[in-house]
Structure formats: structure tokens, C-alpha cells
Amino acid sequence: MKVYLIFLIPVFALVSCGKSDENTSDESSVESQEVKIENGVKTVYFKGTEKIRFRGNVNKDSLWEGKVSAFRENGLLWSVLTYANGIENGVKTVYFKGTDKIRFRGNVNKDSLWEGKVSAFRENGLLWSVLTYANGIENGVAQVYHPNGKLFYSGEYEKGQKKGVWYFYSFEGKFIKEVSYEKAYD
């Protein structure tokens, strides 16, 4: 049972991120925000403060363009998002609270859903997992690592369902077993 509990924790960490972790890109969620645009740089402040919530370049229509930084209310970096014509679409990096260490890094599509390979890291900087997504749903190779950096298990998803053979390894990196999954749908 212990193997299965450990198996679910890393997957849940990324699955819960199908909608790309936290909604760092929703500038409308704070009422009456002060917004300043100077020399093609847009700065959005937390309501009633001079604390920066978002800062990045804008295009001629004042829409986000390129990398946009999102900050926590304490001033620490929360995430760096990539925009094209005001729509989040591209590389997204999310940081652990209170640190400059990366928690998640991957691409998001125009709907802010993970797309392609998404890497999750432990707070010590070691890789935790790499999952492949299509429109926010696991679809492709999945690899999860033990806290010591050795491969824990690997397999493949198809439309959010485990498929094929999954391989499990001990903390020391030795092969333990394989489990075969049939498609859960037709």
C-alpha cells in the first residue's frame, strides 16, 4: 500500500495543475487595481497599495506581450508567464512560496492549460516529476523520481488514463516490478 500512496502524491501534484497551478494570470480578480503603463511596460498593483502584482511589456493595444512577472503580496516572485497579444500562451514558471526556487515549469496553451512536458521540482531543486500534457490532460510519457533523484516509476498516459506497462524502481534505483494497464475506455 505504501508504494501506491507515494505513487499518487507526485501525480496529484501535477494533475492538480492541469489548469496550470495557481491563477497567477487573472488580473481581473482584484477589484479597482491601479494600472500604470509607461514606455510599453504595464504595472498592476495590489488594491490600495503600491505593491506590484504584475509587471511586463505590452503591445500597442496595451495587451500583455512576452514575459510577464507575477508577484505575491509580500513582493516575492510568484511566477513568470508568457503572453501573446494578451493571452497567456507559452512558457510558465511557478516558484515555491518565499523562495526563488522553481516549483513547476512548462508550456501552457491559450486556455492556460498545461501543454507538452511539464516538470515539477522539489524544494531542494531536485526533479520530482515530468509529465506530458495535451490541453491540460496527461497524455504521453510520465516519469516520477524518488527524493534522492533516482527514478521511482515511469509509464505513459493516454487522455488522462494510464496505459501500457508502467515500471517501478526502489529508492536505490533497482527495478521492482512492472504493472500493465488496459485502456479504461474504447
N, C-alpha and C. Protein backbone atom coordinates (compact mmCIF):
# COMPACT_ATOMS: atom_id res chain seq x y z
N MET A 1 0.82 -1.20 0.00
CA MET A 1 0.00 0.00 0.00
C MET A 1 0.86 1.25 0.00
N LYS A 2 1.99 1.20 0.67
CA LYS A 2 2.87 2.36 0.75
C LYS A 2 3.32 2.81 -0.63
N VAL A 3 3.62 1.86 -1.51
CA VAL A 3 4.05 2.21 -2.86
C VAL A 3 2.96 2.99 -3.57
N TYR A 4 1.73 2.59 -3.39
CA TYR A 4 0.64 3.26 -4.09
C TYR A 4 0.37 4.66 -3.55
N LEU A 5 0.51 4.85 -2.23
CA LEU A 5 0.34 6.19 -1.67
C LEU A 5 1.41 7.12 -2.20
N ILE A 6 2.64 6.69 -2.20
CA ILE A 6 3.72 7.51 -2.71
C ILE A 6 3.51 7.76 -4.19
N PHE A 7 3.00 6.78 -4.90
CA PHE A 7 2.73 6.89 -6.33
C PHE A 7 1.73 8.00 -6.61
N LEU A 8 0.72 8.13 -5.79
CA LEU A 8 -0.34 9.10 -6.03
C LEU A 8 0.07 10.54 -5.70
N ILE A 9 0.92 10.74 -4.73
CA ILE A 9 1.27 12.09 -4.31
C ILE A 9 1.90 12.90 -5.45
N PRO A 10 2.97 12.43 -6.10
CA PRO A 10 3.55 13.24 -7.17
C PRO A 10 2.61 13.45 -8.35
N VAL A 11 1.84 12.44 -8.69
CA VAL A 11 0.92 12.58 -9.80
C VAL A 11 -0.13 13.61 -9.45
N PHE A 12 -0.65 13.57 -8.22
CA PHE A 12 -1.65 14.54 -7.80
C PHE A 12 -1.08 15.95 -7.86
N ALA A 13 0.20 16.11 -7.53
CA ALA A 13 0.82 17.43 -7.54
C ALA A 13 0.72 18.06 -8.93
N LEU A 14 0.93 17.28 -9.96
CA LEU A 14 0.84 17.84 -11.30
C LEU A 14 -0.58 17.78 -11.86
N VAL A 15 -1.33 16.75 -11.52
CA VAL A 15 -2.69 16.66 -12.03
C VAL A 15 -3.49 17.86 -11.55
N SER A 16 -3.27 18.24 -10.31
CA SER A 16 -3.99 19.40 -9.79
C SER A 16 -3.57 20.66 -10.51
N CYS A 17 -2.55 20.53 -11.33
CA CYS A 17 -2.05 21.69 -12.06
C CYS A 17 -2.47 21.67 -13.50
N GLY A 18 -3.42 20.83 -13.87
CA GLY A 18 -3.90 20.84 -15.23
C GLY A 18 -4.30 22.23 -15.67
N LYS A 19 -4.84 22.99 -14.76
CA LYS A 19 -5.17 24.39 -15.04
C LYS A 19 -3.99 25.25 -14.61
N SER A 20 -2.79 24.75 -14.81
CA SER A 20 -1.51 25.41 -14.59
C SER A 20 -1.37 26.04 -13.22
N ASP A 21 -1.54 25.22 -12.21
CA ASP A 21 -1.26 25.55 -10.81
C ASP A 21 -2.18 26.62 -10.28
N GLU A 22 -1.65 27.77 -10.00
CA GLU A 22 -2.40 28.85 -9.38
C GLU A 22 -2.75 29.86 -10.45
N ASN A 23 -3.84 30.56 -10.27
CA ASN A 23 -4.26 31.50 -11.30
C ASN A 23 -3.50 32.81 -11.15
N THR A 24 -2.26 32.81 -11.55
CA THR A 24 -1.43 33.99 -11.43
C THR A 24 -1.72 34.99 -12.52
N SER A 25 -2.42 34.57 -13.55
CA SER A 25 -2.61 35.45 -14.70
C SER A 25 -3.91 36.25 -14.66
N ASP A 26 -4.74 36.02 -13.65
CA ASP A 26 -6.04 36.67 -13.64
C ASP A 26 -5.95 38.05 -13.01
N GLU A 27 -5.72 39.00 -13.84
CA GLU A 27 -5.56 40.37 -13.41
C GLU A 27 -6.89 40.98 -12.96
N SER A 28 -8.01 40.38 -13.37
CA SER A 28 -9.32 40.94 -13.04
C SER A 28 -9.81 40.53 -11.66
N SER A 29 -9.10 39.62 -10.98
CA SER A 29 -9.60 39.11 -9.71
C SER A 29 -9.45 40.10 -8.56
N VAL A 30 -8.73 41.17 -8.75
CA VAL A 30 -8.60 42.19 -7.72
C VAL A 30 -9.33 43.43 -8.20
N GLU A 31 -10.32 43.84 -7.45
CA GLU A 31 -11.14 44.98 -7.84
C GLU A 31 -10.34 46.28 -7.74
N SER A 32 -10.64 47.20 -8.62
CA SER A 32 -10.09 48.56 -8.60
C SER A 32 -8.57 48.59 -8.48
N GLN A 33 -7.89 47.74 -9.21
CA GLN A 33 -6.44 47.75 -9.20
C GLN A 33 -5.94 48.99 -9.90
N GLU A 34 -4.83 49.50 -9.42
CA GLU A 34 -4.21 50.61 -10.12
C GLU A 34 -3.30 50.03 -11.19
N VAL A 35 -3.42 50.58 -12.39
CA VAL A 35 -2.62 50.11 -13.52
C VAL A 35 -1.88 51.30 -14.10
N LYS A 36 -0.58 51.14 -14.32
CA LYS A 36 0.22 52.19 -14.96
C LYS A 36 0.91 51.59 -16.17
N ILE A 37 0.91 52.33 -17.27
CA ILE A 37 1.64 51.93 -18.46
C ILE A 37 2.57 53.06 -18.83
N GLU A 38 3.87 52.76 -18.80
CA GLU A 38 4.89 53.74 -19.17
C GLU A 38 5.92 53.08 -20.06
N ASN A 39 6.19 53.69 -21.21
CA ASN A 39 7.21 53.19 -22.13
C ASN A 39 7.03 51.72 -22.49
N GLY A 40 5.77 51.31 -22.70
CA GLY A 40 5.50 49.95 -23.11
C GLY A 40 5.56 48.92 -22.00
N VAL A 41 5.68 49.37 -20.74
CA VAL A 41 5.71 48.46 -19.60
C VAL A 41 4.46 48.71 -18.76
N LYS A 42 3.72 47.63 -18.51
CA LYS A 42 2.49 47.72 -17.72
C LYS A 42 2.78 47.20 -16.33
N THR A 43 2.33 47.96 -15.32
CA THR A 43 2.46 47.55 -13.93
C THR A 43 1.09 47.58 -13.30
N VAL A 44 0.71 46.46 -12.68
CA VAL A 44 -0.57 46.34 -11.98
C VAL A 44 -0.25 46.19 -10.51
N TYR A 45 -0.93 46.98 -9.67
CA TYR A 45 -0.67 46.98 -8.23
C TYR A 45 -1.79 46.28 -7.48
N PHE A 46 -1.45 45.70 -6.33
CA PHE A 46 -2.48 45.16 -5.45
C PHE A 46 -3.37 46.32 -5.01
N LYS A 47 -4.65 46.05 -4.83
CA LYS A 47 -5.64 47.07 -4.49
C LYS A 47 -5.20 47.89 -3.27
N GLY A 48 -5.20 49.21 -3.44
CA GLY A 48 -4.93 50.13 -2.35
C GLY A 48 -3.50 50.16 -1.86
N THR A 49 -2.57 49.59 -2.64
CA THR A 49 -1.17 49.57 -2.21
C THR A 49 -0.27 50.00 -3.35
N GLU A 50 0.99 50.11 -3.05
CA GLU A 50 2.00 50.35 -4.08
C GLU A 50 2.77 49.06 -4.37
N LYS A 51 2.24 47.96 -3.91
CA LYS A 51 2.89 46.66 -4.12
C LYS A 51 2.52 46.14 -5.51
N ILE A 52 3.54 45.73 -6.24
CA ILE A 52 3.35 45.27 -7.62
C ILE A 52 2.77 43.86 -7.63
N ARG A 53 1.72 43.67 -8.41
CA ARG A 53 1.13 42.35 -8.61
C ARG A 53 1.60 41.74 -9.92
N PHE A 54 1.60 42.53 -11.00
CA PHE A 54 2.07 42.08 -12.31
C PHE A 54 2.92 43.17 -12.93
N ARG A 55 3.92 42.76 -13.70
CA ARG A 55 4.71 43.72 -14.46
C ARG A 55 5.25 43.03 -15.70
N GLY A 56 5.08 43.71 -16.84
CA GLY A 56 5.61 43.17 -18.09
C GLY A 56 5.35 44.10 -19.25
N ASN A 57 5.83 43.72 -20.41
CA ASN A 57 5.66 44.52 -21.62
C ASN A 57 4.25 44.37 -22.17
N VAL A 58 3.82 45.41 -22.85
CA VAL A 58 2.53 45.37 -23.53
C VAL A 58 2.72 45.78 -24.98
N ASN A 59 1.77 45.39 -25.82
CA ASN A 59 1.82 45.78 -27.23
C ASN A 59 1.14 47.14 -27.42
N LYS A 60 0.98 47.56 -28.66
CA LYS A 60 0.41 48.88 -28.95
C LYS A 60 -1.04 49.00 -28.48
N ASP A 61 -1.71 47.86 -28.26
CA ASP A 61 -3.09 47.86 -27.77
C ASP A 61 -3.15 47.71 -26.24
N SER A 62 -1.98 47.83 -25.59
CA SER A 62 -1.85 47.71 -24.13
C SER A 62 -2.16 46.31 -23.61
N LEU A 63 -2.02 45.29 -24.46
CA LEU A 63 -2.20 43.90 -24.06
C LEU A 63 -0.84 43.29 -23.73
N TRP A 64 -0.81 42.41 -22.73
CA TRP A 64 0.45 41.76 -22.36
C TRP A 64 1.10 41.13 -23.58
N GLU A 65 2.42 41.24 -23.63
CA GLU A 65 3.19 40.67 -24.75
C GLU A 65 4.55 40.23 -24.22
N GLY A 66 4.85 38.94 -24.41
CA GLY A 66 6.14 38.42 -23.92
C GLY A 66 6.05 38.00 -22.47
N LYS A 67 7.17 38.09 -21.76
CA LYS A 67 7.22 37.64 -20.37
C LYS A 67 6.58 38.66 -19.43
N VAL A 68 5.75 38.13 -18.52
CA VAL A 68 5.09 38.95 -17.51
C VAL A 68 5.38 38.30 -16.16
N SER A 69 5.85 39.10 -15.22
CA SER A 69 6.14 38.60 -13.87
C SER A 69 4.94 38.85 -12.97
N ALA A 70 4.58 37.84 -12.18
CA ALA A 70 3.51 37.95 -11.19
C ALA A 70 4.15 37.84 -9.82
N PHE A 71 3.73 38.70 -8.91
CA PHE A 71 4.34 38.75 -7.58
C PHE A 71 3.31 38.44 -6.51
N ARG A 72 3.79 37.91 -5.40
CA ARG A 72 2.95 37.73 -4.22
C ARG A 72 2.84 39.08 -3.51
N GLU A 73 1.91 39.18 -2.60
CA GLU A 73 1.69 40.46 -1.93
C GLU A 73 2.90 40.87 -1.09
N ASN A 74 3.73 39.89 -0.68
CA ASN A 74 4.93 40.22 0.09
C ASN A 74 6.09 40.67 -0.81
N GLY A 75 5.84 40.76 -2.11
CA GLY A 75 6.84 41.24 -3.05
C GLY A 75 7.69 40.17 -3.70
N LEU A 76 7.57 38.93 -3.23
CA LEU A 76 8.36 37.85 -3.83
C LEU A 76 7.73 37.38 -5.14
N LEU A 77 8.59 36.95 -6.04
CA LEU A 77 8.15 36.46 -7.34
C LEU A 77 7.29 35.21 -7.17
N TRP A 78 6.16 35.19 -7.84
CA TRP A 78 5.25 34.05 -7.81
C TRP A 78 5.43 33.21 -9.06
N SER A 79 5.39 33.89 -10.22
CA SER A 79 5.55 33.16 -11.46
C SER A 79 5.95 34.11 -12.58
N VAL A 80 6.46 33.51 -13.65
CA VAL A 80 6.75 34.25 -14.87
C VAL A 80 5.93 33.57 -15.96
N LEU A 81 5.11 34.37 -16.65
CA LEU A 81 4.19 33.87 -17.65
C LEU A 81 4.58 34.44 -19.01
N THR A 82 4.21 33.76 -20.07
CA THR A 82 4.47 34.25 -21.41
C THR A 82 3.13 34.54 -22.09
N TYR A 83 3.05 35.72 -22.69
CA TYR A 83 1.82 36.16 -23.34
C TYR A 83 2.06 36.46 -24.81
N ALA A 84 1.00 36.31 -25.59
CA ALA A 84 0.98 36.74 -26.99
C ALA A 84 -0.35 37.47 -27.20
N ASN A 85 -0.26 38.75 -27.48
CA ASN A 85 -1.45 39.57 -27.73
C ASN A 85 -2.48 39.47 -26.59
N GLY A 86 -2.00 39.49 -25.34
CA GLY A 86 -2.88 39.50 -24.18
C GLY A 86 -3.35 38.14 -23.71
N ILE A 87 -2.92 37.07 -24.37
CA ILE A 87 -3.36 35.73 -24.00
C ILE A 87 -2.16 34.93 -23.50
N GLU A 88 -2.31 34.34 -22.30
CA GLU A 88 -1.24 33.51 -21.75
C GLU A 88 -1.06 32.32 -22.68
N ASN A 89 0.16 32.15 -23.19
CA ASN A 89 0.41 31.10 -24.16
C ASN A 89 1.91 30.96 -24.33
N GLY A 90 2.49 29.94 -23.72
CA GLY A 90 3.93 29.74 -23.81
C GLY A 90 4.48 29.24 -22.49
N VAL A 91 5.72 29.56 -22.22
CA VAL A 91 6.40 29.05 -21.03
C VAL A 91 5.83 29.70 -19.77
N LYS A 92 5.58 28.85 -18.77
CA LYS A 92 5.15 29.34 -17.45
C LYS A 92 6.05 28.70 -16.41
N THR A 93 6.56 29.55 -15.53
CA THR A 93 7.40 29.08 -14.43
C THR A 93 6.75 29.55 -13.13
N VAL A 94 6.53 28.61 -12.20
CA VAL A 94 5.93 28.93 -10.91
C VAL A 94 6.97 28.61 -9.84
N TYR A 95 7.11 29.52 -8.87
CA TYR A 95 8.12 29.38 -7.83
C TYR A 95 7.51 28.97 -6.50
N PHE A 96 8.31 28.27 -5.67
CA PHE A 96 7.88 27.95 -4.31
C PHE A 96 7.68 29.24 -3.54
N LYS A 97 6.69 29.25 -2.68
CA LYS A 97 6.40 30.43 -1.87
C LYS A 97 7.61 30.78 -1.01
N GLY A 98 8.00 32.04 -1.07
CA GLY A 98 9.08 32.54 -0.22
C GLY A 98 10.47 32.21 -0.71
N THR A 99 10.59 31.67 -1.93
CA THR A 99 11.91 31.32 -2.46
C THR A 99 12.02 31.72 -3.92
N ASP A 100 13.21 31.57 -4.45
CA ASP A 100 13.41 31.77 -5.88
C ASP A 100 13.60 30.43 -6.58
N LYS A 101 13.14 29.36 -5.92
CA LYS A 101 13.29 28.01 -6.46
C LYS A 101 12.06 27.63 -7.27
N ILE A 102 12.31 27.02 -8.41
CA ILE A 102 11.23 26.65 -9.33
C ILE A 102 10.43 25.47 -8.78
N ARG A 103 9.10 25.61 -8.82
CA ARG A 103 8.18 24.55 -8.41
C ARG A 103 7.68 23.79 -9.63
N PHE A 104 7.24 24.53 -10.67
CA PHE A 104 6.77 23.95 -11.92
C PHE A 104 7.31 24.76 -13.08
N ARG A 105 7.56 24.08 -14.18
CA ARG A 105 7.96 24.78 -15.40
C ARG A 105 7.46 23.98 -16.59
N GLY A 106 6.77 24.67 -17.49
CA GLY A 106 6.27 24.02 -18.69
C GLY A 106 5.53 25.03 -19.55
N ASN A 107 4.96 24.55 -20.62
CA ASN A 107 4.20 25.41 -21.52
C ASN A 107 2.72 25.33 -21.19
N VAL A 108 2.04 26.46 -21.40
CA VAL A 108 0.59 26.48 -21.30
C VAL A 108 0.03 26.93 -22.63
N ASN A 109 -1.19 26.51 -22.91
CA ASN A 109 -1.84 26.93 -24.16
C ASN A 109 -2.67 28.19 -23.92
N LYS A 110 -3.38 28.63 -24.93
CA LYS A 110 -4.14 29.88 -24.84
C LYS A 110 -5.25 29.81 -23.80
N ASP A 111 -5.60 28.62 -23.32
CA ASP A 111 -6.60 28.46 -22.26
C ASP A 111 -5.96 28.31 -20.88
N SER A 112 -4.64 28.59 -20.80
CA SER A 112 -3.87 28.47 -19.56
C SER A 112 -3.80 27.04 -19.04
N LEU A 113 -3.90 26.06 -19.93
CA LEU A 113 -3.78 24.65 -19.56
C LEU A 113 -2.39 24.15 -19.95
N TRP A 114 -1.83 23.28 -19.12
CA TRP A 114 -0.51 22.73 -19.43
C TRP A 114 -0.55 22.04 -20.79
N GLU A 115 0.55 22.19 -21.53
CA GLU A 115 0.66 21.62 -22.88
C GLU A 115 2.09 21.14 -23.08
N GLY A 116 2.26 19.86 -23.40
CA GLY A 116 3.61 19.32 -23.58
C GLY A 116 4.21 18.89 -22.25
N LYS A 117 5.54 18.84 -22.19
CA LYS A 117 6.22 18.37 -20.98
C LYS A 117 6.19 19.45 -19.90
N VAL A 118 5.80 19.02 -18.69
CA VAL A 118 5.78 19.89 -17.52
C VAL A 118 6.63 19.25 -16.45
N SER A 119 7.59 19.99 -15.94
CA SER A 119 8.49 19.49 -14.90
C SER A 119 8.09 20.06 -13.56
N ALA A 120 8.10 19.20 -12.54
CA ALA A 120 7.85 19.62 -11.16
C ALA A 120 9.13 19.35 -10.38
N PHE A 121 9.45 20.26 -9.49
CA PHE A 121 10.69 20.15 -8.72
C PHE A 121 10.39 20.13 -7.23
N ARG A 122 11.29 19.49 -6.50
CA ARG A 122 11.22 19.54 -5.04
C ARG A 122 11.82 20.86 -4.58
N GLU A 123 11.55 21.22 -3.34
CA GLU A 123 12.04 22.49 -2.84
C GLU A 123 13.57 22.54 -2.79
N ASN A 124 14.21 21.37 -2.74
CA ASN A 124 15.68 21.34 -2.74
C ASN A 124 16.25 21.44 -4.16
N GLY A 125 15.38 21.59 -5.15
CA GLY A 125 15.81 21.77 -6.53
C GLY A 125 15.86 20.49 -7.35
N LEU A 126 15.76 19.33 -6.72
CA LEU A 126 15.78 18.07 -7.47
C LEU A 126 14.48 17.88 -8.24
N LEU A 127 14.60 17.26 -9.38
CA LEU A 127 13.44 16.97 -10.22
C LEU A 127 12.52 15.99 -9.49
N TRP A 128 11.23 16.30 -9.45
CA TRP A 128 10.24 15.44 -8.82
C TRP A 128 9.54 14.61 -9.89
N SER A 129 9.11 15.28 -10.96
CA SER A 129 8.41 14.54 -12.00
C SER A 129 8.41 15.31 -13.31
N VAL A 130 8.21 14.56 -14.38
CA VAL A 130 8.00 15.13 -15.70
C VAL A 130 6.79 14.41 -16.28
N LEU A 131 5.75 15.18 -16.57
CA LEU A 131 4.55 14.61 -17.17
C LEU A 131 4.29 15.33 -18.48
N THR A 132 3.66 14.64 -19.40
CA THR A 132 3.32 15.23 -20.69
C THR A 132 1.81 15.47 -20.73
N TYR A 133 1.44 16.67 -21.19
CA TYR A 133 0.03 17.06 -21.20
C TYR A 133 -0.42 17.43 -22.62
N ALA A 134 -1.71 17.26 -22.84
CA ALA A 134 -2.38 17.77 -24.05
C ALA A 134 -3.64 18.46 -23.56
N ASN A 135 -3.67 19.75 -23.71
CA ASN A 135 -4.83 20.55 -23.28
C ASN A 135 -5.20 20.31 -21.82
N GLY A 136 -4.16 20.25 -20.95
CA GLY A 136 -4.37 20.12 -19.51
C GLY A 136 -4.61 18.71 -19.01
N ILE A 137 -4.57 17.72 -19.89
CA ILE A 137 -4.81 16.32 -19.51
C ILE A 137 -3.54 15.52 -19.78
N GLU A 138 -3.18 14.64 -18.82
CA GLU A 138 -1.99 13.82 -19.02
C GLU A 138 -2.15 13.02 -20.30
N ASN A 139 -1.12 13.11 -21.14
CA ASN A 139 -1.17 12.41 -22.41
C ASN A 139 0.25 12.25 -22.91
N GLY A 140 0.84 11.11 -22.61
CA GLY A 140 2.22 10.86 -23.02
C GLY A 140 3.04 10.35 -21.85
N VAL A 141 4.34 10.48 -21.97
CA VAL A 141 5.28 9.94 -21.00
C VAL A 141 5.14 10.61 -19.64
N ALA A 142 5.24 9.78 -18.59
CA ALA A 142 5.24 10.26 -17.20
C ALA A 142 6.42 9.63 -16.49
N GLN A 143 7.20 10.45 -15.79
CA GLN A 143 8.33 9.96 -15.00
C GLN A 143 8.30 10.65 -13.66
N VAL A 144 8.39 9.87 -12.58
CA VAL A 144 8.40 10.41 -11.23
C VAL A 144 9.65 9.88 -10.53
N TYR A 145 10.27 10.76 -9.75
CA TYR A 145 11.56 10.45 -9.14
C TYR A 145 11.47 10.41 -7.62
N HIS A 146 12.28 9.54 -7.01
CA HIS A 146 12.43 9.49 -5.56
C HIS A 146 13.09 10.78 -5.09
N PRO A 147 13.00 11.10 -3.79
CA PRO A 147 13.66 12.30 -3.25
C PRO A 147 15.17 12.33 -3.48
N ASN A 148 15.79 11.17 -3.70
CA ASN A 148 17.23 11.13 -3.95
C ASN A 148 17.57 11.33 -5.43
N GLY A 149 16.55 11.55 -6.27
CA GLY A 149 16.77 11.81 -7.68
C GLY A 149 16.71 10.59 -8.57
N LYS A 150 16.63 9.41 -7.99
CA LYS A 150 16.55 8.18 -8.80
C LYS A 150 15.11 7.96 -9.25
N LEU A 151 14.98 7.37 -10.43
CA LEU A 151 13.66 7.11 -11.00
C LEU A 151 12.84 6.22 -10.07
N PHE A 152 11.60 6.64 -9.80
CA PHE A 152 10.68 5.89 -8.95
C PHE A 152 9.76 5.05 -9.83
N TYR A 153 9.12 5.68 -10.80
CA TYR A 153 8.30 4.95 -11.75
C TYR A 153 8.18 5.73 -13.04
N SER A 154 7.83 5.00 -14.10
CA SER A 154 7.61 5.64 -15.40
C SER A 154 6.54 4.85 -16.14
N GLY A 155 5.86 5.56 -17.01
CA GLY A 155 4.81 4.94 -17.80
C GLY A 155 4.27 5.96 -18.79
N GLU A 156 3.09 5.68 -19.28
CA GLU A 156 2.51 6.56 -20.27
C GLU A 156 1.02 6.73 -20.01
N TYR A 157 0.55 7.96 -20.27
CA TYR A 157 -0.87 8.27 -20.19
C TYR A 157 -1.43 8.44 -21.59
N GLU A 158 -2.70 8.11 -21.71
CA GLU A 158 -3.44 8.43 -22.92
C GLU A 158 -4.77 9.02 -22.50
N LYS A 159 -4.98 10.29 -22.83
CA LYS A 159 -6.20 11.01 -22.48
C LYS A 159 -6.52 10.89 -20.99
N GLY A 160 -5.50 11.04 -20.15
CA GLY A 160 -5.68 11.04 -18.70
C GLY A 160 -5.72 9.67 -18.05
N GLN A 161 -5.63 8.61 -18.83
CA GLN A 161 -5.68 7.24 -18.30
C GLN A 161 -4.31 6.58 -18.46
N LYS A 162 -3.88 5.85 -17.41
CA LYS A 162 -2.64 5.09 -17.53
C LYS A 162 -2.82 4.04 -18.62
N LYS A 163 -1.77 3.85 -19.43
CA LYS A 163 -1.86 2.82 -20.47
C LYS A 163 -0.53 2.10 -20.57
N GLY A 164 -0.60 0.90 -21.07
CA GLY A 164 0.62 0.13 -21.30
C GLY A 164 1.29 -0.31 -20.01
N VAL A 165 2.58 -0.54 -20.10
CA VAL A 165 3.35 -1.06 -18.97
C VAL A 165 4.00 0.11 -18.22
N TRP A 166 3.84 0.10 -16.90
CA TRP A 166 4.49 1.07 -16.02
C TRP A 166 5.56 0.32 -15.23
N TYR A 167 6.70 0.95 -15.06
CA TYR A 167 7.84 0.34 -14.39
C TYR A 167 8.11 1.04 -13.07
N PHE A 168 8.35 0.26 -12.01
CA PHE A 168 8.59 0.78 -10.67
C PHE A 168 9.99 0.40 -10.20
N TYR A 169 10.65 1.34 -9.48
CA TYR A 169 12.02 1.15 -9.04
C TYR A 169 12.15 1.48 -7.56
N SER A 170 13.10 0.83 -6.91
CA SER A 170 13.35 1.07 -5.49
C SER A 170 14.05 2.42 -5.30
N PHE A 171 14.18 2.82 -4.06
CA PHE A 171 14.86 4.05 -3.70
C PHE A 171 16.31 4.03 -4.20
N GLU A 172 16.88 2.84 -4.29
CA GLU A 172 18.25 2.68 -4.76
C GLU A 172 18.34 2.62 -6.28
N GLY A 173 17.18 2.61 -6.97
CA GLY A 173 17.16 2.59 -8.42
C GLY A 173 17.06 1.21 -9.03
N LYS A 174 16.82 0.20 -8.22
CA LYS A 174 16.70 -1.16 -8.73
C LYS A 174 15.26 -1.44 -9.14
N PHE A 175 15.12 -2.13 -10.25
CA PHE A 175 13.80 -2.49 -10.76
C PHE A 175 13.05 -3.32 -9.73
N ILE A 176 11.77 -2.97 -9.48
CA ILE A 176 10.93 -3.71 -8.53
C ILE A 176 9.91 -4.56 -9.28
N LYS A 177 9.12 -3.90 -10.12
CA LYS A 177 8.05 -4.62 -10.82
C LYS A 177 7.54 -3.78 -11.98
N GLU A 178 6.72 -4.43 -12.78
CA GLU A 178 6.00 -3.72 -13.82
C GLU A 178 4.53 -4.02 -13.67
N VAL A 179 3.72 -3.04 -14.02
CA VAL A 179 2.27 -3.18 -13.93
C VAL A 179 1.72 -2.79 -15.30
N SER A 180 0.83 -3.63 -15.80
CA SER A 180 0.24 -3.38 -17.12
C SER A 180 -1.16 -2.81 -16.93
N TYR A 181 -1.44 -1.74 -17.67
CA TYR A 181 -2.75 -1.09 -17.61
C TYR A 181 -3.43 -1.23 -18.96
N GLU A 182 -4.68 -1.66 -18.90
CA GLU A 182 -5.51 -1.72 -20.09
C GLU A 182 -6.17 -0.36 -20.24
N LYS A 183 -6.62 -0.05 -21.44
CA LYS A 183 -7.35 1.20 -21.64
C LYS A 183 -8.63 1.18 -20.83
N ALA A 184 -8.94 2.31 -20.21
CA ALA A 184 -10.15 2.41 -19.40
C ALA A 184 -11.34 2.86 -20.25
N TYR A 185 -11.14 2.99 -21.53
CA TYR A 185 -12.19 3.45 -22.43
C TYR A 185 -11.96 2.84 -23.80
N ASP A 186 -12.91 2.96 -24.69
CA ASP A 186 -12.75 2.47 -26.07
C ASP A 186 -12.65 3.60 -27.03
